[in-house]
C-alpha atoms as a PDB file:
ATOM      1  CA  MET A   1      66.409 -67.166 -33.930  1.00  0.00           C
ATOM      2  CA  LYS A   2      66.938 -65.481 -30.945  1.00  0.00           C
ATOM      3  CA  THR A   3      69.152 -68.533 -29.139  1.00  0.00           C
ATOM      4  CA  ARG A   4      71.440 -68.443 -32.149  1.00  0.00           C
ATOM      5  CA  LEU A   5      72.026 -64.652 -31.718  1.00  0.00           C
ATOM      6  CA  ILE A   6      73.183 -65.170 -28.100  1.00  0.00           C
ATOM      7  CA  ILE A   7      75.319 -68.042 -29.109  1.00  0.00           C
ATOM      8  CA  PHE A   8      76.804 -65.891 -31.771  1.00  0.00           C
ATOM      9  CA  LEU A   9      77.234 -62.840 -29.501  1.00  0.00           C
ATOM     10  CA  LEU A  10      78.788 -65.627 -26.683  1.00  0.00           C
ATOM     11  CA  ILE A  11      81.244 -66.588 -29.558  1.00  0.00           C
ATOM     12  CA  ILE A  12      82.216 -63.324 -30.366  1.00  0.00           C
ATOM     13  CA  ASN A  13      82.702 -62.056 -26.961  1.00  0.00           C
ATOM     14  CA  TYR A  14      84.762 -65.258 -26.234  1.00  0.00           C
ATOM     15  CA  ASP A  15      86.772 -64.613 -29.076  1.00  0.00           C
ATOM     16  CA  MET A  16      87.586 -61.138 -28.235  1.00  0.00           C
ATOM     17  CA  TYR A  17      88.399 -62.051 -24.606  1.00  0.00           C
ATOM     18  CA  SER A  18      90.666 -64.533 -25.645  1.00  0.00           C
ATOM     19  CA  GLN A  19      92.485 -62.122 -28.188  1.00  0.00           C
ATOM     20  CA  GLN A  20      92.836 -59.709 -25.442  1.00  0.00           C
ATOM     21  CA  ASN A  21      94.132 -62.133 -23.215  1.00  0.00           C
ATOM     22  CA  SER A  22      96.952 -63.125 -25.789  1.00  0.00           C
ATOM     23  CA  ARG A  23      97.866 -59.492 -26.266  1.00  0.00           C
ATOM     24  CA  ASN A  24      98.024 -59.232 -22.444  1.00  0.00           C
ATOM     25  CA  ALA A  25     100.324 -62.184 -22.086  1.00  0.00           C
ATOM     26  CA  GLY A  26     102.648 -60.989 -24.995  1.00  0.00           C
ATOM     27  CA  GLU A  27     102.801 -57.876 -23.327  1.00  0.00           C
ATOM     28  CA  TYR A  28     104.088 -59.249 -20.029  1.00  0.00           C
ATOM     29  CA  TYR A  29     106.284 -61.574 -22.079  1.00  0.00           C
ATOM     30  CA  ASN A  30     108.105 -58.589 -24.009  1.00  0.00           C
ATOM     31  CA  ARG A  31     108.420 -56.617 -20.742  1.00  0.00           C
ATOM     32  CA  GLY A  32     109.875 -59.902 -19.174  1.00  0.00           C
ATOM     33  CA  LEU A  33     112.516 -60.445 -22.094  1.00  0.00           C
ATOM     34  CA  ASP A  34     113.671 -56.654 -21.561  1.00  0.00           C
ATOM     35  CA  LYS A  35     114.297 -57.190 -17.832  1.00  0.00           C
ATOM     36  CA  LEU A  36     116.145 -60.663 -18.647  1.00  0.00           C
ATOM     37  CA  GLU A  37     118.340 -58.773 -21.319  1.00  0.00           C
ATOM     38  CA  SER A  38     119.279 -56.212 -18.567  1.00  0.00           C
ATOM     39  CA  LYS A  39     119.864 -59.217 -15.912  1.00  0.00           C
ATOM     40  CA  ASN A  40     116.830 -58.368 -13.847  1.00  0.00           C
ATOM     41  CA  PHE A  41     115.874 -61.876 -13.210  1.00  0.00           C
ATOM     42  CA  ILE A  42     113.612 -61.432  -9.990  1.00  0.00           C
ATOM     43  CA  LYS A  43     111.382 -58.833 -12.296  1.00  0.00           C
ATOM     44  CA  ALA A  44     111.784 -61.002 -15.250  1.00  0.00           C
ATOM     45  CA  ILE A  45     110.530 -64.077 -13.635  1.00  0.00           C
ATOM     46  CA  GLU A  46     107.556 -62.111 -11.923  1.00  0.00           C
ATOM     47  CA  LEU A  47     106.549 -60.712 -15.432  1.00  0.00           C
ATOM     48  CA  PHE A  48     106.977 -64.268 -17.319  1.00  0.00           C
ATOM     49  CA  THR A  49     104.932 -65.792 -14.805  1.00  0.00           C
ATOM     50  CA  LYS A  50     102.097 -63.031 -15.366  1.00  0.00           C
ATOM     51  CA  ALA A  51     102.033 -64.080 -18.888  1.00  0.00           C
ATOM     52  CA  ILE A  52     101.847 -67.843 -18.055  1.00  0.00           C
ATOM     53  CA  ASP A  53      98.799 -67.135 -15.648  1.00  0.00           C
ATOM     54  CA  ILE A  54      97.211 -65.779 -18.583  1.00  0.00           C
ATOM     55  CA  SER A  55      97.876 -68.064 -21.009  1.00  0.00           C
ATOM     56  CA  LEU A  56      98.981 -71.317 -19.506  1.00  0.00           C
ATOM     57  CA  ASN A  57     100.283 -72.982 -22.460  1.00  0.00           C
ATOM     58  CA  TYR A  58     102.710 -70.248 -23.495  1.00  0.00           C
ATOM     59  CA  ALA A  59     105.676 -72.260 -24.242  1.00  0.00           C
ATOM     60  CA  ASN A  60     108.049 -69.126 -25.045  1.00  0.00           C
ATOM     61  CA  ALA A  61     107.172 -67.764 -21.575  1.00  0.00           C
ATOM     62  CA  TYR A  62     107.990 -70.815 -19.675  1.00  0.00           C
ATOM     63  CA  ALA A  63     111.157 -71.344 -21.485  1.00  0.00           C
ATOM     64  CA  ALA A  64     112.037 -67.528 -20.732  1.00  0.00           C
ATOM     65  CA  ARG A  65     111.393 -67.870 -17.365  1.00  0.00           C
ATOM     66  CA  GLY A  66     113.606 -71.156 -17.153  1.00  0.00           C
ATOM     67  CA  SER A  67     116.187 -68.959 -18.613  1.00  0.00           C
ATOM     68  CA  ALA A  68     115.716 -66.457 -16.057  1.00  0.00           C
ATOM     69  CA  LYS A  69     115.546 -68.868 -13.204  1.00  0.00           C
ATOM     70  CA  GLY A  70     118.789 -70.545 -14.381  1.00  0.00           C
ATOM     71  CA  MET A  71     120.737 -67.397 -14.384  1.00  0.00           C
ATOM     72  CA  SER A  72     119.428 -66.493 -10.988  1.00  0.00           C
ATOM     73  CA  GLY A  73     120.829 -69.780  -9.551  1.00  0.00           C
ATOM     74  CA  ASN A  74     117.504 -71.826  -9.414  1.00  0.00           C
ATOM     75  CA  ASP A  75     118.772 -74.821 -11.487  1.00  0.00           C
ATOM     76  CA  THR A  76     115.600 -76.858 -10.304  1.00  0.00           C
ATOM     77  CA  GLY A  77     113.066 -74.454 -11.532  1.00  0.00           C
ATOM     78  CA  ALA A  78     115.004 -73.862 -14.629  1.00  0.00           C
ATOM     79  CA  VAL A  79     115.153 -77.515 -15.567  1.00  0.00           C
ATOM     80  CA  THR A  80     110.990 -78.004 -14.849  1.00  0.00           C
ATOM     81  CA  ASP A  81     110.538 -74.695 -17.081  1.00  0.00           C
ATOM     82  CA  PHE A  82     112.519 -75.966 -19.969  1.00  0.00           C
ATOM     83  CA  ASP A  83     110.724 -79.486 -19.745  1.00  0.00           C
ATOM     84  CA  LYS A  84     107.412 -77.947 -19.562  1.00  0.00           C
ATOM     85  CA  ALA A  85     108.148 -75.587 -22.676  1.00  0.00           C
ATOM     86  CA  ILE A  86     109.309 -78.592 -24.776  1.00  0.00           C
ATOM     87  CA  SER A  87     106.000 -80.619 -23.724  1.00  0.00           C
ATOM     88  CA  ILE A  88     103.971 -77.844 -24.874  1.00  0.00           C
ATOM     89  CA  ASN A  89     105.451 -77.394 -28.202  1.00  0.00           C
ATOM     90  CA  ASN A  90     108.824 -79.208 -29.196  1.00  0.00           C
ATOM     91  CA  SER A  91     109.073 -77.352 -32.517  1.00  0.00           C
ATOM     92  CA  VAL A  92     109.613 -73.678 -31.388  1.00  0.00           C
ATOM     93  CA  GLY A  93     113.293 -72.724 -31.869  1.00  0.00           C
ATOM     94  CA  LYS A  94     113.957 -70.165 -29.104  1.00  0.00           C
ATOM     95  CA  ILE A  95     112.786 -73.024 -26.592  1.00  0.00           C
ATOM     96  CA  TYR A  96     115.838 -74.945 -27.504  1.00  0.00           C
ATOM     97  CA  LYS A  97     117.719 -71.292 -27.512  1.00  0.00           C
ATOM     98  CA  TYR A  98     116.981 -70.732 -23.872  1.00  0.00           C
ATOM     99  CA  ARG A  99     117.812 -73.902 -22.661  1.00  0.00           C
ATOM    100  CA  GLY A 100     121.216 -73.651 -24.478  1.00  0.00           C
ATOM    101  CA  GLU A 101     121.731 -70.583 -22.667  1.00  0.00           C
ATOM    102  CA  PHE A 102     121.193 -72.371 -19.290  1.00  0.00           C
ATOM    103  CA  ARG A 103     123.523 -75.378 -20.269  1.00  0.00           C
ATOM    104  CA  MET A 104     126.050 -73.131 -21.414  1.00  0.00           C
ATOM    105  CA  LYS A 105     126.146 -71.289 -17.937  1.00  0.00           C
ATOM    106  CA  LYS A 106     126.826 -74.530 -16.666  1.00  0.00           C
ATOM    107  CA  ASP A 107     129.583 -75.193 -18.813  1.00  0.00           C
ATOM    108  CA  ASP A 108     128.079 -78.056 -20.705  1.00  0.00           C
ATOM    109  CA  LEU A 109     129.197 -76.620 -24.118  1.00  0.00           C
ATOM    110  CA  VAL A 110     128.339 -79.975 -26.023  1.00  0.00           C
ATOM    111  CA  GLY A 111     124.517 -79.634 -24.754  1.00  0.00           C
ATOM    112  CA  ALA A 112     124.366 -76.039 -25.534  1.00  0.00           C
ATOM    113  CA  LYS A 113     125.674 -76.600 -28.978  1.00  0.00           C
ATOM    114  CA  GLU A 114     123.103 -79.442 -29.703  1.00  0.00           C
ATOM    115  CA  ASP A 115     120.257 -76.680 -28.293  1.00  0.00           C
ATOM    116  CA  VAL A 116     121.345 -74.117 -30.400  1.00  0.00           C
ATOM    117  CA  GLU A 117     121.535 -76.054 -33.750  1.00  0.00           C
ATOM    118  CA  ARG A 118     118.402 -77.772 -33.025  1.00  0.00           C
ATOM    119  CA  SER A 119     116.941 -73.970 -32.664  1.00  0.00           C
ATOM    120  CA  LEU A 120     118.553 -73.006 -35.823  1.00  0.00           C
ATOM    121  CA  GLU A 121     117.013 -75.943 -37.605  1.00  0.00           C
ATOM    122  CA  LEU A 122     113.677 -74.885 -36.640  1.00  0.00           C
ATOM    123  CA  ASP A 123     114.244 -71.271 -37.304  1.00  0.00           C
ATOM    124  CA  SER A 124     117.191 -70.455 -39.713  1.00  0.00           C
ATOM    125  CA  ASN A 125     116.640 -66.594 -39.178  1.00  0.00           C
ATOM    126  CA  CYS A 126     117.207 -66.561 -35.245  1.00  0.00           C
ATOM    127  CA  ALA A 127     119.695 -64.011 -34.687  1.00  0.00           C
ATOM    128  CA  ILE A 128     120.043 -64.637 -31.055  1.00  0.00           C
ATOM    129  CA  CYS A 129     120.478 -68.262 -31.662  1.00  0.00           C
ATOM    130  CA  TYR A 130     123.572 -67.425 -33.743  1.00  0.00           C
ATOM    131  CA  ASP A 131     124.997 -65.007 -31.406  1.00  0.00           C
ATOM    132  CA  LEU A 132     124.637 -68.117 -28.612  1.00  0.00           C
ATOM    133  CA  ARG A 133     126.255 -70.413 -30.970  1.00  0.00           C
ATOM    134  CA  GLY A 134     129.106 -67.840 -31.584  1.00  0.00           C
ATOM    135  CA  ARG A 135     129.626 -67.481 -27.763  1.00  0.00           C
ATOM    136  CA  VAL A 136     129.627 -71.452 -27.513  1.00  0.00           C
ATOM    137  CA  ILE A 137     132.124 -72.118 -30.174  1.00  0.00           C
ATOM    138  CA  LEU A 138     134.083 -68.891 -28.720  1.00  0.00           C
ATOM    139  CA  ARG A 139     134.554 -70.932 -25.336  1.00  0.00           C
ATOM    140  CA  LYS A 140     135.540 -73.740 -27.214  1.00  0.00           C
ATOM    141  CA  GLY A 141     138.514 -71.879 -28.809  1.00  0.00           C
ATOM    142  CA  ASP A 142     137.230 -71.670 -32.501  1.00  0.00           C
ATOM    143  CA  ASN A 143     137.477 -67.773 -32.894  1.00  0.00           C
ATOM    144  CA  SER A 144     137.150 -67.910 -36.497  1.00  0.00           C
ATOM    145  CA  SER A 145     134.010 -69.917 -36.771  1.00  0.00           C
ATOM    146  CA  ALA A 146     132.624 -67.789 -33.865  1.00  0.00           C
ATOM    147  CA  LEU A 147     133.263 -64.410 -35.844  1.00  0.00           C
ATOM    148  CA  LYS A 148     131.118 -66.005 -38.757  1.00  0.00           C
ATOM    149  CA  ASP A 149     128.068 -66.763 -36.255  1.00  0.00           C
ATOM    150  CA  PHE A 150     128.605 -63.056 -34.673  1.00  0.00           C
ATOM    151  CA  ASN A 151     128.372 -61.450 -38.437  1.00  0.00           C
ATOM    152  CA  LYS A 152     125.333 -63.454 -39.269  1.00  0.00           C
ATOM    153  CA  ALA A 153     123.271 -62.527 -35.907  1.00  0.00           C
ATOM    154  CA  ILE A 154     124.145 -58.851 -36.730  1.00  0.00           C
ATOM    155  CA  GLU A 155     123.300 -59.126 -40.462  1.00  0.00           C
ATOM    156  CA  LEU A 156     119.730 -60.469 -39.176  1.00  0.00           C
ATOM    157  CA  ASP A 157     119.412 -57.904 -36.205  1.00  0.00           C
ATOM    158  CA  ASN A 158     121.793 -54.870 -35.988  1.00  0.00           C
ATOM    159  CA  SER A 159     119.790 -53.377 -33.135  1.00  0.00           C
ATOM    160  CA  LYS A 160     121.058 -55.386 -30.208  1.00  0.00           C
ATOM    161  CA  ALA A 161     123.746 -53.656 -28.262  1.00  0.00           C
ATOM    162  CA  TYR A 162     124.928 -56.886 -26.891  1.00  0.00           C
ATOM    163  CA  PHE A 163     125.580 -58.641 -30.093  1.00  0.00           C
ATOM    164  CA  TYR A 164     128.348 -56.118 -30.786  1.00  0.00           C
ATOM    165  CA  ILE A 165     129.790 -56.660 -27.467  1.00  0.00           C
ATOM    166  CA  ASN A 166     130.127 -60.232 -28.168  1.00  0.00           C
ATOM    167  CA  ARG A 167     131.552 -59.552 -31.658  1.00  0.00           C
ATOM    168  CA  SER A 168     134.149 -57.246 -29.935  1.00  0.00           C
ATOM    169  CA  ILE A 169     135.291 -60.106 -27.434  1.00  0.00           C
ATOM    170  CA  CYS A 170     135.963 -62.377 -30.611  1.00  0.00           C
ATOM    171  CA  TYR A 171     137.949 -59.355 -32.509  1.00  0.00           C
ATOM    172  CA  LEU A 172     139.823 -59.102 -29.121  1.00  0.00           C
ATOM    173  CA  LYS A 173     140.894 -62.852 -29.269  1.00  0.00           C
ATOM    174  CA  LEU A 174     141.938 -62.399 -33.036  1.00  0.00           C
ATOM    175  CA  GLY A 175     143.849 -59.782 -32.262  1.00  0.00           C
ATOM    176  CA  GLU A 176     142.060 -57.297 -33.970  1.00  0.00           C
ATOM    177  CA  PHE A 177     141.869 -54.423 -31.275  1.00  0.00           C
ATOM    178  CA  GLN A 178     140.536 -51.476 -33.762  1.00  0.00           C
ATOM    179  CA  MET A 179     137.574 -53.846 -34.867  1.00  0.00           C
ATOM    180  CA  ALA A 180     136.803 -54.263 -31.366  1.00  0.00           C
ATOM    181  CA  CYS A 181     136.849 -50.619 -30.352  1.00  0.00           C
ATOM    182  CA  THR A 182     134.303 -50.160 -33.678  1.00  0.00           C
ATOM    183  CA  ASP A 183     131.924 -52.676 -32.490  1.00  0.00           C
ATOM    184  CA  LEU A 184     132.008 -51.146 -28.716  1.00  0.00           C
ATOM    185  CA  ASP A 185     131.190 -47.631 -29.895  1.00  0.00           C
ATOM    186  CA  LYS A 186     128.262 -48.884 -31.774  1.00  0.00           C
ATOM    187  CA  SER A 187     126.998 -50.857 -28.910  1.00  0.00           C
ATOM    188  CA  LEU A 188     127.310 -47.592 -26.972  1.00  0.00           C
ATOM    189  CA  SER A 189     125.554 -45.633 -29.666  1.00  0.00           C
ATOM    190  CA  ILE A 190     122.807 -48.055 -29.330  1.00  0.00           C
ATOM    191  CA  ASN A 191     122.604 -47.786 -25.582  1.00  0.00           C
ATOM    192  CA  SER A 192     124.831 -45.354 -23.930  1.00  0.00           C
ATOM    193  CA  ARG A 193     124.573 -46.890 -20.646  1.00  0.00           C
ATOM    194  CA  TYR A 194     125.772 -50.169 -21.486  1.00  0.00           C
ATOM    195  CA  GLN A 195     128.179 -51.105 -18.646  1.00  0.00           C
ATOM    196  CA  SER A 196     129.967 -54.244 -20.234  1.00  0.00           C
ATOM    197  CA  ALA A 197     130.581 -52.097 -23.332  1.00  0.00           C
ATOM    198  CA  TYR A 198     132.392 -49.239 -21.350  1.00  0.00           C
ATOM    199  CA  TYR A 199     134.394 -52.185 -19.683  1.00  0.00           C
ATOM    200  CA  TRP A 200     135.326 -53.784 -22.931  1.00  0.00           C
ATOM    201  CA  ARG A 201     136.269 -50.587 -24.548  1.00  0.00           C
ATOM    202  CA  GLY A 202     138.176 -49.354 -21.751  1.00  0.00           C
ATOM    203  CA  PHE A 203     139.939 -53.061 -21.502  1.00  0.00           C
ATOM    204  CA  THR A 204     140.727 -52.737 -25.245  1.00  0.00           C
ATOM    205  CA  LYS A 205     142.120 -49.121 -25.281  1.00  0.00           C
ATOM    206  CA  SER A 206     144.263 -50.178 -22.549  1.00  0.00           C
ATOM    207  CA  LYS A 207     145.316 -53.305 -24.536  1.00  0.00           C
ATOM    208  CA  MET A 208     146.521 -50.758 -27.331  1.00  0.00           C
ATOM    209  CA  GLY A 209     148.425 -48.602 -24.934  1.00  0.00           C
ATOM    210  CA  LYS A 210     145.884 -46.118 -24.998  1.00  0.00           C
ATOM    211  CA  PHE A 211     145.810 -45.772 -21.123  1.00  0.00           C
ATOM    212  CA  SER A 212     144.183 -42.202 -20.749  1.00  0.00           C
ATOM    213  CA  ASP A 213     141.221 -43.354 -22.865  1.00  0.00           C
ATOM    214  CA  GLY A 214     140.990 -46.772 -21.382  1.00  0.00           C
ATOM    215  CA  ILE A 215     140.829 -45.013 -17.921  1.00  0.00           C
ATOM    216  CA  LEU A 216     138.027 -42.753 -19.111  1.00  0.00           C
ATOM    217  CA  ASP A 217     135.866 -45.663 -20.015  1.00  0.00           C
ATOM    218  CA  LEU A 218     136.856 -48.015 -16.979  1.00  0.00           C
ATOM    219  CA  GLU A 219     135.798 -44.998 -14.852  1.00  0.00           C
ATOM    220  CA  ALA A 220     132.367 -44.969 -16.788  1.00  0.00           C
ATOM    221  CA  ALA A 221     131.904 -48.407 -16.066  1.00  0.00           C
ATOM    222  CA  ILE A 222     132.822 -48.364 -12.380  1.00  0.00           C
ATOM    223  CA  LYS A 223     130.068 -45.511 -12.238  1.00  0.00           C
ATOM    224  CA  LEU A 224     127.443 -47.745 -13.366  1.00  0.00           C
ATOM    225  CA  ASP A 225     128.696 -50.654 -11.488  1.00  0.00           C
ATOM    226  CA  LYS A 226     130.803 -49.974  -8.371  1.00  0.00           C
ATOM    227  CA  LYS A 227     131.099 -53.749  -7.592  1.00  0.00           C
ATOM    228  CA  ASP A 228     132.695 -54.563 -10.979  1.00  0.00           C
ATOM    229  CA  SER A 229     136.177 -55.791  -9.512  1.00  0.00           C
ATOM    230  CA  LYS A 230     137.380 -56.518 -13.207  1.00  0.00           C
ATOM    231  CA  ALA A 231     136.895 -52.848 -14.371  1.00  0.00           C
ATOM    232  CA  ILE A 232     138.783 -51.664 -10.829  1.00  0.00           C
ATOM    233  CA  PHE A 233     141.726 -54.122 -11.559  1.00  0.00           C
ATOM    234  CA  TYR A 234     142.179 -52.739 -14.851  1.00  0.00           C
ATOM    235  CA  LEU A 235     141.599 -49.193 -14.090  1.00  0.00           C
ATOM    236  CA  GLY A 236     144.284 -49.563 -11.503  1.00  0.00           C
ATOM    237  CA  LEU A 237     146.779 -51.335 -14.072  1.00  0.00           C
ATOM    238  CA  ALA A 238     146.204 -48.554 -16.658  1.00  0.00           C
ATOM    239  CA  GLN A 239     146.888 -45.848 -13.820  1.00  0.00           C
ATOM    240  CA  VAL A 240     150.118 -47.664 -12.840  1.00  0.00           C
ATOM    241  CA  ARG A 241     151.086 -47.828 -16.623  1.00  0.00           C
ATOM    242  CA  LEU A 242     150.999 -44.090 -16.581  1.00  0.00           C
ATOM    243  CA  LYS A 243     153.212 -43.695 -13.390  1.00  0.00           C
ATOM    244  CA  ASN A 244     150.181 -42.712 -11.119  1.00  0.00           C
ATOM    245  CA  PHE A 245     151.240 -45.505  -8.383  1.00  0.00           C
ATOM    246  CA  LYS A 246     148.839 -44.014  -5.974  1.00  0.00           C
ATOM    247  CA  ASP A 247     145.712 -44.466  -7.182  1.00  0.00           C
ATOM    248  CA  GLY A 248     146.702 -47.543  -9.625  1.00  0.00           C
ATOM    249  CA  CYS A 249     148.057 -49.613  -6.382  1.00  0.00           C
ATOM    250  CA  TYR A 250     144.844 -48.355  -4.533  1.00  0.00           C
ATOM    251  CA  ASN A 251     142.405 -49.753  -7.086  1.00  0.00           C
ATOM    252  CA  ILE A 252     144.609 -52.860  -7.612  1.00  0.00           C
ATOM    253  CA  LYS A 253     144.542 -53.510  -3.799  1.00  0.00           C
ATOM    254  CA  LYS A 254     140.697 -52.784  -3.931  1.00  0.00           C
ATOM    255  CA  SER A 255     139.982 -55.523  -6.465  1.00  0.00           C
ATOM    256  CA  GLU A 256     142.213 -57.940  -4.680  1.00  0.00           C
ATOM    257  CA  GLN A 257     139.877 -57.376  -1.638  1.00  0.00           C
ATOM    258  CA  MET A 258     136.569 -57.850  -3.699  1.00  0.00           C
ATOM    259  CA  GLY A 259     138.178 -61.481  -4.914  1.00  0.00           C
ATOM    260  CA  PHE A 260     140.055 -60.500  -8.054  1.00  0.00           C
ATOM    261  CA  ASP A 261     142.293 -63.362  -8.418  1.00  0.00           C
ATOM    262  CA  ASP A 262     144.919 -61.770 -11.027  1.00  0.00           C
ATOM    263  CA  ALA A 263     144.834 -58.377  -8.499  1.00  0.00           C
ATOM    264  CA  TYR A 264     147.416 -60.220  -5.599  1.00  0.00           C
ATOM    265  CA  ASP A 265     150.066 -60.959  -7.985  1.00  0.00           C
ATOM    266  CA  ALA A 266     149.867 -57.601  -9.653  1.00  0.00           C
ATOM    267  CA  TYR A 267     150.038 -55.774  -6.695  1.00  0.00           C
ATOM    268  CA  ALA A 268     153.155 -57.835  -5.645  1.00  0.00           C
ATOM    269  CA  GLU A 269     154.607 -56.504  -8.868  1.00  0.00           C
ATOM    270  CA  TYR A 270     154.042 -53.113  -9.198  1.00  0.00           C
ATOM    271  CA  CYS A 271     153.529 -51.737  -5.734  1.00  0.00           C
ATOM    272  CA  GLU A 272     155.500 -53.626  -3.168  1.00  0.00           C
ATOM    273  CA  ASN A 273     158.902 -52.384  -4.474  1.00  0.00           C
END
């Protein structure tokens, strides 16, 4: 009787330990996802690795770490992690989504589309998968089909700021500038420090001829990322449009020095007369 009791207690303790480990691994994984979304790839890799150390067969953590490695330029490490994730569990949709992201980054649009469609076969309610397929299709030039996927992503999850940014870019390509601005407003209502949202809203307002408003957003984008040569270029262009050649030409030249290709011709056109 005493032996049975000891075995029973050991089983309970093991189960409690396993559950605690699973919770801890999940916490590291979720924190890693936050870092991945904010493009802090080094910290994301560190957190996903901690999740894997706790739970060696954590397929999603391998896939997410592969995505972070791929985004940070470690292609070999990315492929290794994706292969490991699929070897553990080839029926989890998000694994294919992460590999699809990597393939898109490598300009393998066919492979990216195959992966994201496999992901949606496994999970038809995967919002981030619809967003990814929308981006792939947008890159291929099918703007109307991309819009349907962005709409579906937001229908499934309206809490992600970057979903609205991606749809706004689609609206821009469709010439729907006001719809793009509405989405960018929504993105910033979710995350008021989203640098890309300020950049795209400033770019869009400038396209609409609202140069003063565009300047304010582009300045906000540059404040959040002083190395954004695109934002500096379009700030300069908007300033030139308002006849502020001193500041405008300074910023266009600065973006040229930072390596932004369009700046050279723009400086020659607006600033060398």
